[in-house]
C-alpha atoms as a PDB file:
ATOM      1  CA  MET A   1       0.000   0.000   0.000  1.00  0.00           C
ATOM      2  CA  ALA A   2       2.807   2.383   0.929  1.00  0.00           C
ATOM      3  CA  ALA A   3       4.648   1.663  -2.336  1.00  0.00           C
ATOM      4  CA  ALA A   4       1.534   2.393  -4.408  1.00  0.00           C
ATOM      5  CA  LEU A   5       0.991   5.628  -2.502  1.00  0.00           C
ATOM      6  CA  ALA A   6       4.629   6.675  -2.955  1.00  0.00           C
ATOM      7  CA  LEU A   7       4.553   5.963  -6.703  1.00  0.00           C
ATOM      8  CA  SER A   8       1.320   7.891  -7.197  1.00  0.00           C
ATOM      9  CA  GLY A   9       2.783  10.904  -5.406  1.00  0.00           C
ATOM     10  CA  CYS A  10       5.971  11.058  -7.487  1.00  0.00           C
ATOM     11  CA  GLY A  11       4.226  11.413 -10.840  1.00  0.00           C
ATOM     12  CA  PHE A  12       5.221   7.937 -12.084  1.00  0.00           C
ATOM     13  CA  LYS A  13       3.151   6.869 -15.067  1.00  0.00           C
ATOM     14  CA  LEU A  14       3.627   3.966 -17.444  1.00  0.00           C
ATOM     15  CA  ARG A  15       4.493   4.996 -20.966  1.00  0.00           C
ATOM     16  CA  GLY A  16       1.358   4.611 -23.060  1.00  0.00           C
ATOM     17  CA  ALA A  17       0.886   4.355 -26.791  1.00  0.00           C
ATOM     18  CA  LEU A  18       2.578   7.077 -28.803  1.00  0.00           C
ATOM     19  CA  GLU A  19       0.429   9.708 -30.471  1.00  0.00           C
ATOM     20  CA  PHE A  20       1.665  11.557 -33.531  1.00  0.00           C
ATOM     21  CA  ALA A  21       0.678  15.016 -34.812  1.00  0.00           C
ATOM     22  CA  PHE A  22       0.571  13.643 -38.367  1.00  0.00           C
ATOM     23  CA  ASP A  23      -1.484  10.837 -39.894  1.00  0.00           C
ATOM     24  CA  SER A  24       0.801   9.720 -42.744  1.00  0.00           C
ATOM     25  CA  ILE A  25       4.552   9.280 -43.055  1.00  0.00           C
ATOM     26  CA  HIS A  26       6.999   8.106 -45.687  1.00  0.00           C
ATOM     27  CA  VAL A  27      10.239   6.551 -44.434  1.00  0.00           C
ATOM     28  CA  ASN A  28      12.961   7.205 -46.993  1.00  0.00           C
ATOM     29  CA  MET A  29      15.391   4.328 -46.278  1.00  0.00           C
ATOM     30  CA  PRO A  30      16.890   1.482 -48.308  1.00  0.00           C
ATOM     31  CA  GLU A  31      14.789  -1.701 -48.341  1.00  0.00           C
ATOM     32  CA  GLN A  32      17.688  -3.836 -47.071  1.00  0.00           C
ATOM     33  CA  SER A  33      18.055  -1.733 -43.907  1.00  0.00           C
ATOM     34  CA  GLY A  34      17.135  -3.784 -40.838  1.00  0.00           C
ATOM     35  CA  LEU A  35      16.688  -0.605 -38.824  1.00  0.00           C
ATOM     36  CA  GLY A  36      14.444   0.873 -41.521  1.00  0.00           C
ATOM     37  CA  ASN A  37      12.282  -2.235 -41.666  1.00  0.00           C
ATOM     38  CA  GLU A  38      11.853  -2.311 -37.891  1.00  0.00           C
ATOM     39  CA  LEU A  39      11.029   1.412 -37.841  1.00  0.00           C
ATOM     40  CA  LYS A  40       8.397   0.980 -40.572  1.00  0.00           C
ATOM     41  CA  ARG A  41       6.924  -2.000 -38.691  1.00  0.00           C
ATOM     42  CA  GLN A  42       6.697  -0.047 -35.425  1.00  0.00           C
ATOM     43  CA  LEU A  43       5.141   2.953 -37.154  1.00  0.00           C
ATOM     44  CA  ALA A  44       2.590   0.770 -38.970  1.00  0.00           C
ATOM     45  CA  ALA A  45       1.583  -0.796 -35.631  1.00  0.00           C
ATOM     46  CA  ASN A  46       0.259   2.588 -34.436  1.00  0.00           C
ATOM     47  CA  LYS A  47      -3.446   2.955 -35.087  1.00  0.00           C
ATOM     48  CA  GLY A  48      -4.359   5.955 -37.153  1.00  0.00           C
ATOM     49  CA  LEU A  49      -0.913   6.309 -38.726  1.00  0.00           C
ATOM     50  CA  ARG A  50      -0.395   5.364 -42.363  1.00  0.00           C
ATOM     51  CA  VAL A  51       3.087   4.394 -43.535  1.00  0.00           C
ATOM     52  CA  ILE A  52       3.342   5.202 -47.231  1.00  0.00           C
ATOM     53  CA  ARG A  53       5.550   2.736 -49.072  1.00  0.00           C
ATOM     54  CA  GLU A  54       4.551   3.190 -52.734  1.00  0.00           C
ATOM     55  CA  PRO A  55       6.728   5.769 -54.559  1.00  0.00           C
ATOM     56  CA  ALA A  56       3.706   7.133 -56.447  1.00  0.00           C
ATOM     57  CA  LEU A  57       1.954   8.021 -53.173  1.00  0.00           C
ATOM     58  CA  VAL A  58       4.931   9.747 -51.487  1.00  0.00           C
ATOM     59  CA  PRO A  59       3.566  13.266 -52.298  1.00  0.00           C
ATOM     60  CA  THR A  60       0.484  12.457 -50.196  1.00  0.00           C
ATOM     61  CA  ALA A  61       2.537  11.873 -47.021  1.00  0.00           C
ATOM     62  CA  GLN A  62       2.267  14.632 -44.406  1.00  0.00           C
ATOM     63  CA  VAL A  63       5.863  14.083 -43.267  1.00  0.00           C
ATOM     64  CA  ILE A  64       8.951  12.398 -44.695  1.00  0.00           C
ATOM     65  CA  LEU A  65      11.634  10.782 -42.568  1.00  0.00           C
ATOM     66  CA  ASP A  66      14.954  10.836 -44.430  1.00  0.00           C
ATOM     67  CA  SER A  67      17.694   8.435 -43.405  1.00  0.00           C
ATOM     68  CA  LEU A  68      21.041  10.164 -43.890  1.00  0.00           C
ATOM     69  CA  VAL A  69      23.353   7.567 -42.288  1.00  0.00           C
ATOM     70  CA  ASP A  70      22.562   4.029 -41.155  1.00  0.00           C
ATOM     71  CA  GLN A  71      25.757   2.156 -40.376  1.00  0.00           C
ATOM     72  CA  ARG A  72      27.213  -0.494 -38.148  1.00  0.00           C
ATOM     73  CA  GLU A  73      30.795  -0.306 -36.936  1.00  0.00           C
ATOM     74  CA  LYS A  74      33.078  -2.780 -35.186  1.00  0.00           C
ATOM     75  CA  VAL A  75      36.235  -1.325 -33.654  1.00  0.00           C
ATOM     76  CA  VAL A  76      39.044  -3.114 -31.817  1.00  0.00           C
ATOM     77  CA  VAL A  77      39.490  -1.553 -28.363  1.00  0.00           C
ATOM     78  CA  GLY A  78      41.620  -4.127 -26.561  1.00  0.00           C
ATOM     79  CA  LEU A  79      44.509  -6.422 -27.427  1.00  0.00           C
ATOM     80  CA  THR A  80      46.330  -9.107 -25.461  1.00  0.00           C
ATOM     81  CA  SER A  81      50.074  -8.872 -24.838  1.00  0.00           C
ATOM     82  CA  SER A  82      50.587 -11.159 -27.854  1.00  0.00           C
ATOM     83  CA  GLY A  83      48.598  -8.824 -30.130  1.00  0.00           C
ATOM     84  CA  GLN A  84      45.379 -10.861 -30.338  1.00  0.00           C
ATOM     85  CA  VAL A  85      42.006  -9.111 -30.164  1.00  0.00           C
ATOM     86  CA  ARG A  86      40.531  -9.190 -26.673  1.00  0.00           C
ATOM     87  CA  GLU A  87      37.670  -6.678 -26.912  1.00  0.00           C
ATOM     88  CA  PHE A  88      35.561  -4.957 -29.579  1.00  0.00           C
ATOM     89  CA  GLN A  89      33.260  -1.990 -29.457  1.00  0.00           C
ATOM     90  CA  LEU A  90      30.109  -2.325 -31.560  1.00  0.00           C
ATOM     91  CA  ARG A  91      28.406   0.844 -32.764  1.00  0.00           C
ATOM     92  CA  VAL A  92      25.199   1.615 -34.598  1.00  0.00           C
ATOM     93  CA  ARG A  93      24.990   5.151 -35.959  1.00  0.00           C
ATOM     94  CA  PHE A  94      21.747   6.579 -37.333  1.00  0.00           C
ATOM     95  CA  LYS A  95      21.391  10.097 -38.733  1.00  0.00           C
ATOM     96  CA  PHE A  96      18.012  11.320 -39.864  1.00  0.00           C
ATOM     97  CA  ARG A  97      15.806  14.340 -40.378  1.00  0.00           C
ATOM     98  CA  LEU A  98      12.068  14.852 -40.565  1.00  0.00           C
ATOM     99  CA  ARG A  99      10.493  17.261 -42.984  1.00  0.00           C
ATOM    100  CA  ALA A 100       6.968  18.274 -43.860  1.00  0.00           C
ATOM    101  CA  LYS A 101       5.687  17.790 -47.387  1.00  0.00           C
ATOM    102  CA  ASP A 102       6.151  21.529 -48.014  1.00  0.00           C
ATOM    103  CA  GLY A 103       9.890  21.167 -47.250  1.00  0.00           C
ATOM    104  CA  ARG A 104       9.963  22.628 -43.706  1.00  0.00           C
ATOM    105  CA  GLU A 105      12.337  20.811 -41.376  1.00  0.00           C
ATOM    106  CA  LEU A 106      10.428  19.514 -38.366  1.00  0.00           C
ATOM    107  CA  ILE A 107      13.445  17.711 -36.912  1.00  0.00           C
ATOM    108  CA  PRO A 108      16.768  19.042 -38.204  1.00  0.00           C
ATOM    109  CA  GLU A 109      19.561  16.584 -38.902  1.00  0.00           C
ATOM    110  CA  ALA A 110      19.975  14.474 -35.753  1.00  0.00           C
ATOM    111  CA  GLU A 111      22.241  11.571 -34.876  1.00  0.00           C
ATOM    112  CA  ILE A 112      21.637   8.685 -32.513  1.00  0.00           C
ATOM    113  CA  LEU A 113      24.645   6.567 -31.581  1.00  0.00           C
ATOM    114  CA  GLN A 114      24.511   3.324 -29.612  1.00  0.00           C
ATOM    115  CA  GLU A 115      27.682   1.593 -28.383  1.00  0.00           C
ATOM    116  CA  ARG A 116      28.264  -1.759 -26.718  1.00  0.00           C
ATOM    117  CA  ASP A 117      31.498  -3.454 -25.659  1.00  0.00           C
ATOM    118  CA  ILE A 118      31.994  -7.157 -26.291  1.00  0.00           C
ATOM    119  CA  SER A 119      34.867  -9.374 -25.257  1.00  0.00           C
ATOM    120  CA  TYR A 120      36.319 -11.762 -27.812  1.00  0.00           C
ATOM    121  CA  SER A 121      37.686 -15.253 -27.468  1.00  0.00           C
ATOM    122  CA  GLU A 122      38.969 -17.254 -30.409  1.00  0.00           C
ATOM    123  CA  SER A 123      37.911 -20.495 -28.750  1.00  0.00           C
ATOM    124  CA  ASN A 124      34.277 -19.261 -28.594  1.00  0.00           C
ATOM    125  CA  ALA A 125      34.139 -17.558 -31.977  1.00  0.00           C
ATOM    126  CA  LEU A 126      30.682 -18.886 -32.975  1.00  0.00           C
ATOM    127  CA  ALA A 127      29.098 -17.967 -29.649  1.00  0.00           C
ATOM    128  CA  LYS A 128      30.670 -14.498 -29.788  1.00  0.00           C
ATOM    129  CA  GLU A 129      29.336 -14.000 -33.309  1.00  0.00           C
ATOM    130  CA  ALA A 130      25.816 -14.844 -32.114  1.00  0.00           C
ATOM    131  CA  GLU A 131      26.259 -12.481 -29.144  1.00  0.00           C
ATOM    132  CA  GLU A 132      27.401  -9.747 -31.530  1.00  0.00           C
ATOM    133  CA  GLN A 133      24.259 -10.148 -33.639  1.00  0.00           C
ATOM    134  CA  LEU A 134      22.076  -9.973 -30.506  1.00  0.00           C
ATOM    135  CA  LEU A 135      23.812  -6.789 -29.398  1.00  0.00           C
ATOM    136  CA  TYR A 136      23.345  -5.201 -32.835  1.00  0.00           C
ATOM    137  CA  ARG A 137      19.640  -6.128 -32.766  1.00  0.00           C
ATOM    138  CA  ASP A 138      19.285  -4.675 -29.248  1.00  0.00           C
ATOM    139  CA  MET A 139      20.969  -1.404 -30.273  1.00  0.00           C
ATOM    140  CA  GLN A 140      18.763  -1.222 -33.362  1.00  0.00           C
ATOM    141  CA  SER A 141      15.622  -1.613 -31.226  1.00  0.00           C
ATOM    142  CA  ASP A 142      16.832   1.103 -28.839  1.00  0.00           C
ATOM    143  CA  ILE A 143      17.390   3.481 -31.746  1.00  0.00           C
ATOM    144  CA  VAL A 144      13.944   2.758 -33.196  1.00  0.00           C
ATOM    145  CA  GLN A 145      12.319   3.537 -29.826  1.00  0.00           C
ATOM    146  CA  GLN A 146      14.268   6.810 -29.553  1.00  0.00           C
ATOM    147  CA  VAL A 147      13.243   7.831 -33.080  1.00  0.00           C
ATOM    148  CA  LEU A 148       9.590   7.027 -32.325  1.00  0.00           C
ATOM    149  CA  ARG A 149       9.663   9.181 -29.179  1.00  0.00           C
ATOM    150  CA  ARG A 150      11.217  12.059 -31.140  1.00  0.00           C
ATOM    151  CA  LEU A 151       8.547  11.715 -33.839  1.00  0.00           C
ATOM    152  CA  ALA A 152       5.811  11.752 -31.200  1.00  0.00           C
ATOM    153  CA  ALA A 153       7.190  15.050 -29.835  1.00  0.00           C
ATOM    154  CA  VAL A 154       6.835  16.805 -33.220  1.00  0.00           C
ATOM    155  CA  LYS A 155       4.180  19.505 -33.519  1.00  0.00           C
ATOM    156  CA  LEU A 156       2.984  20.487 -36.982  1.00  0.00           C
END
């Protein structure tokens, strides 16, 4: 009872469904982009929001999300005394902007960067490769959620 009372007094509220100021969006990203596909899927899951995919219908979209950079990086950050790789840093970098159909920038060029460190062992190479893919997927999901929250904050 005391915990419920304390939480109600601090302003804690579960994050509800996102509401957008626009009702149609075109996501300008390459089809092979995993991040782009997840973003389109998450946007399409919102009721009342239309994700325009057909090139002929792009002029009907209220807003256009342009992907400027969508890249994955893998950088060596640690070596053993014998020169073998001991640790990597994985990065996912996403730069984007949001513009209205009349060309106004609603979100100027913005960058979201996610980084994770991963140890490496040659004897567990397959397991480390699977772990790397999981970390990339996790970073991608984090970026998609951040982009969605930024889109929900836009006022037309």
